[in-house]
Structures are given as C-alpha cells and as structure tokens.
Amino acid sequence: MDKLHLYDKILSPIVTEKTTNLSEQNKVVFKVPATANKKNLKTNIEKIFKVNVTKINIINKQNRTKLTRGRKVKVSGFKKAIITLKKGQSIDLTTGV
C-alpha cells in the first residue's frame, strides 16, 4: 500500500482537554471517515505510526441542530475512533502526520 492510501482512513486528530487526559492511558483519538471500520484502522495506524494497537472503540456522532444568535444551525456529525496502544507506546501528534 502506498502512504496516500493509508492516510485516507485518518482525517485529523482530535485534541481537546478530554483527549489529552486519555493520553495518560495510552489512548489517542482521531476523526475518521464514515466508512472506516476497526480492522482497516488497526492496520493503517500500525503501519503509519509503527505502534501496536490493542483496542479500538468507534463512536458515531449524529447530526444535530443548535441555536446560534436566534437561528437554528445544523451541525454535521462525524465518526471518531479511540485507539488504545500497547503499554509504553505513544503517538506524538505535535510532529504532524
């Protein structure tokens, strides 16, 4: 597989306060396409970052509407994956992919 095809399954890392707290437990969170599945994600992440993945949890965030300045605004949903790495391993998100 070429590198471009591997990167198609990872859209972006999600960096929030909750996800940085998860990094202490060897977990990393990525935004992934709606067609992504656990088997493909595991192989792609292991090849790109050269780490061992022990577990993957996928969460599907649904579309929702929110009220902004008195108007209803549609917020599009997305799929995110919480990847648990082998103990002692980590992915440095600040270096870039």
C-alpha atoms as a PDB file:
ATOM      1  CA  MET A   1       0.000   0.000   0.000  1.00  0.00           C
ATOM      2  CA  ASP A   2       1.192   3.467  -0.712  1.00  0.00           C
ATOM      3  CA  LYS A   3       1.248   6.106   2.029  1.00  0.00           C
ATOM      4  CA  LEU A   4      -1.573   8.157   0.482  1.00  0.00           C
ATOM      5  CA  HIS A   5      -3.983   5.247   0.707  1.00  0.00           C
ATOM      6  CA  LEU A   6      -3.068   4.673   4.377  1.00  0.00           C
ATOM      7  CA  TYR A   7      -3.785   8.292   5.296  1.00  0.00           C
ATOM      8  CA  ASP A   8      -7.290   8.152   3.751  1.00  0.00           C
ATOM      9  CA  LYS A   9      -8.649   6.452   6.877  1.00  0.00           C
ATOM     10  CA  ILE A  10      -7.449   9.187   9.264  1.00  0.00           C
ATOM     11  CA  LEU A  11      -8.908  12.656   8.763  1.00  0.00           C
ATOM     12  CA  SER A  12      -7.455  14.505  11.746  1.00  0.00           C
ATOM     13  CA  PRO A  13      -6.520  14.055  15.397  1.00  0.00           C
ATOM     14  CA  ILE A  14      -8.954  15.376  17.981  1.00  0.00           C
ATOM     15  CA  VAL A  15      -7.110  17.447  20.572  1.00  0.00           C
ATOM     16  CA  THR A  16      -9.273  18.542  23.494  1.00  0.00           C
ATOM     17  CA  GLU A  17      -8.908  18.510  27.244  1.00  0.00           C
ATOM     18  CA  LYS A  18     -10.606  15.109  27.484  1.00  0.00           C
ATOM     19  CA  THR A  19      -8.432  13.551  24.802  1.00  0.00           C
ATOM     20  CA  THR A  20      -5.224  14.832  26.377  1.00  0.00           C
ATOM     21  CA  ASN A  21      -6.318  13.216  29.649  1.00  0.00           C
ATOM     22  CA  LEU A  22      -6.851   9.960  27.729  1.00  0.00           C
ATOM     23  CA  SER A  23      -3.257  10.089  26.504  1.00  0.00           C
ATOM     24  CA  GLU A  24      -2.139   9.177  30.036  1.00  0.00           C
ATOM     25  CA  GLN A  25      -3.943   5.843  29.494  1.00  0.00           C
ATOM     26  CA  ASN A  26      -2.136   5.208  26.153  1.00  0.00           C
ATOM     27  CA  LYS A  27      -5.185   6.318  24.123  1.00  0.00           C
ATOM     28  CA  VAL A  28      -5.320   8.572  21.062  1.00  0.00           C
ATOM     29  CA  VAL A  29      -8.459   9.975  19.383  1.00  0.00           C
ATOM     30  CA  PHE A  30      -8.809  10.521  15.626  1.00  0.00           C
ATOM     31  CA  LYS A  31     -11.588  11.799  13.402  1.00  0.00           C
ATOM     32  CA  VAL A  32     -12.224   9.133  10.754  1.00  0.00           C
ATOM     33  CA  PRO A  33     -14.457   8.855   7.665  1.00  0.00           C
ATOM     34  CA  ALA A  34     -17.939   7.367   7.939  1.00  0.00           C
ATOM     35  CA  THR A  35     -16.826   4.274   6.013  1.00  0.00           C
ATOM     36  CA  ALA A  36     -13.962   3.404   8.391  1.00  0.00           C
ATOM     37  CA  ASN A  37     -14.011   0.141  10.321  1.00  0.00           C
ATOM     38  CA  LYS A  38     -11.889  -1.281  13.138  1.00  0.00           C
ATOM     39  CA  LYS A  39      -9.899  -3.774  11.074  1.00  0.00           C
ATOM     40  CA  ASN A  40      -8.761  -1.206   8.476  1.00  0.00           C
ATOM     41  CA  LEU A  41      -7.997   1.409  11.122  1.00  0.00           C
ATOM     42  CA  LYS A  42      -5.836  -1.007  13.085  1.00  0.00           C
ATOM     43  CA  THR A  43      -3.692  -1.984  10.119  1.00  0.00           C
ATOM     44  CA  ASN A  44      -3.346   1.604   8.881  1.00  0.00           C
ATOM     45  CA  ILE A  45      -2.360   3.065  12.249  1.00  0.00           C
ATOM     46  CA  GLU A  46       0.145   0.284  12.906  1.00  0.00           C
ATOM     47  CA  LYS A  47       1.786   0.883   9.507  1.00  0.00           C
ATOM     48  CA  ILE A  48       1.800   4.697   9.674  1.00  0.00           C
ATOM     49  CA  PHE A  49       2.944   5.237  13.269  1.00  0.00           C
ATOM     50  CA  LYS A  50       4.762   1.907  13.839  1.00  0.00           C
ATOM     51  CA  VAL A  51       2.936   1.141  17.118  1.00  0.00           C
ATOM     52  CA  ASN A  52       0.930  -1.839  18.406  1.00  0.00           C
ATOM     53  CA  VAL A  53      -2.818  -1.261  18.687  1.00  0.00           C
ATOM     54  CA  THR A  54      -4.581  -3.311  21.366  1.00  0.00           C
ATOM     55  CA  LYS A  55      -8.130  -1.951  21.117  1.00  0.00           C
ATOM     56  CA  ILE A  56     -10.263   0.407  19.006  1.00  0.00           C
ATOM     57  CA  ASN A  57     -13.571   1.996  20.008  1.00  0.00           C
ATOM     58  CA  ILE A  58     -15.566   3.802  17.308  1.00  0.00           C
ATOM     59  CA  ILE A  59     -18.136   6.462  18.199  1.00  0.00           C
ATOM     60  CA  ASN A  60     -20.601   7.837  15.661  1.00  0.00           C
ATOM     61  CA  LYS A  61     -21.610  11.427  16.494  1.00  0.00           C
ATOM     62  CA  GLN A  62     -25.023  12.181  14.953  1.00  0.00           C
ATOM     63  CA  ASN A  63     -26.113  15.362  13.182  1.00  0.00           C
ATOM     64  CA  ARG A  64     -27.692  17.912  15.479  1.00  0.00           C
ATOM     65  CA  THR A  65     -29.133  21.403  15.441  1.00  0.00           C
ATOM     66  CA  LYS A  66     -28.100  24.149  17.783  1.00  0.00           C
ATOM     67  CA  LEU A  67     -29.333  27.658  18.406  1.00  0.00           C
ATOM     68  CA  THR A  68     -26.860  30.384  17.428  1.00  0.00           C
ATOM     69  CA  ARG A  69     -27.859  34.055  17.591  1.00  0.00           C
ATOM     70  CA  GLY A  70     -31.514  33.128  17.447  1.00  0.00           C
ATOM     71  CA  ARG A  71     -31.142  30.911  14.375  1.00  0.00           C
ATOM     72  CA  LYS A  72     -31.150  27.161  14.111  1.00  0.00           C
ATOM     73  CA  VAL A  73     -27.879  25.915  12.692  1.00  0.00           C
ATOM     74  CA  LYS A  74     -27.232  22.343  11.549  1.00  0.00           C
ATOM     75  CA  VAL A  75     -24.023  20.836  12.942  1.00  0.00           C
ATOM     76  CA  SER A  76     -22.847  17.901  10.860  1.00  0.00           C
ATOM     77  CA  GLY A  77     -21.995  14.655  12.583  1.00  0.00           C
ATOM     78  CA  PHE A  78     -18.783  12.674  12.302  1.00  0.00           C
ATOM     79  CA  LYS A  79     -17.180   9.422  13.350  1.00  0.00           C
ATOM     80  CA  LYS A  80     -14.312   9.265  15.820  1.00  0.00           C
ATOM     81  CA  ALA A  81     -12.058   6.430  16.870  1.00  0.00           C
ATOM     82  CA  ILE A  82     -10.427   5.986  20.274  1.00  0.00           C
ATOM     83  CA  ILE A  83      -7.299   3.909  19.769  1.00  0.00           C
ATOM     84  CA  THR A  84      -5.674   2.136  22.727  1.00  0.00           C
ATOM     85  CA  LEU A  85      -1.974   1.477  22.275  1.00  0.00           C
ATOM     86  CA  LYS A  86       0.267  -1.116  23.884  1.00  0.00           C
ATOM     87  CA  LYS A  87       1.603  -0.056  27.281  1.00  0.00           C
ATOM     88  CA  GLY A  88       4.647   2.190  26.970  1.00  0.00           C
ATOM     89  CA  GLN A  89       3.915   3.302  23.394  1.00  0.00           C
ATOM     90  CA  SER A  90       2.571   6.670  22.274  1.00  0.00           C
ATOM     91  CA  ILE A  91       1.859   8.745  19.176  1.00  0.00           C
ATOM     92  CA  ASP A  92       3.251  12.281  19.133  1.00  0.00           C
ATOM     93  CA  LEU A  93       0.563  14.408  17.468  1.00  0.00           C
ATOM     94  CA  THR A  94       2.623  17.620  17.525  1.00  0.00           C
ATOM     95  CA  THR A  95       5.107  16.403  14.903  1.00  0.00           C
ATOM     96  CA  GLY A  96       2.461  16.120  12.184  1.00  0.00           C
ATOM     97  CA  VAL A  97       1.475  13.163  10.079  1.00  0.00           C
END
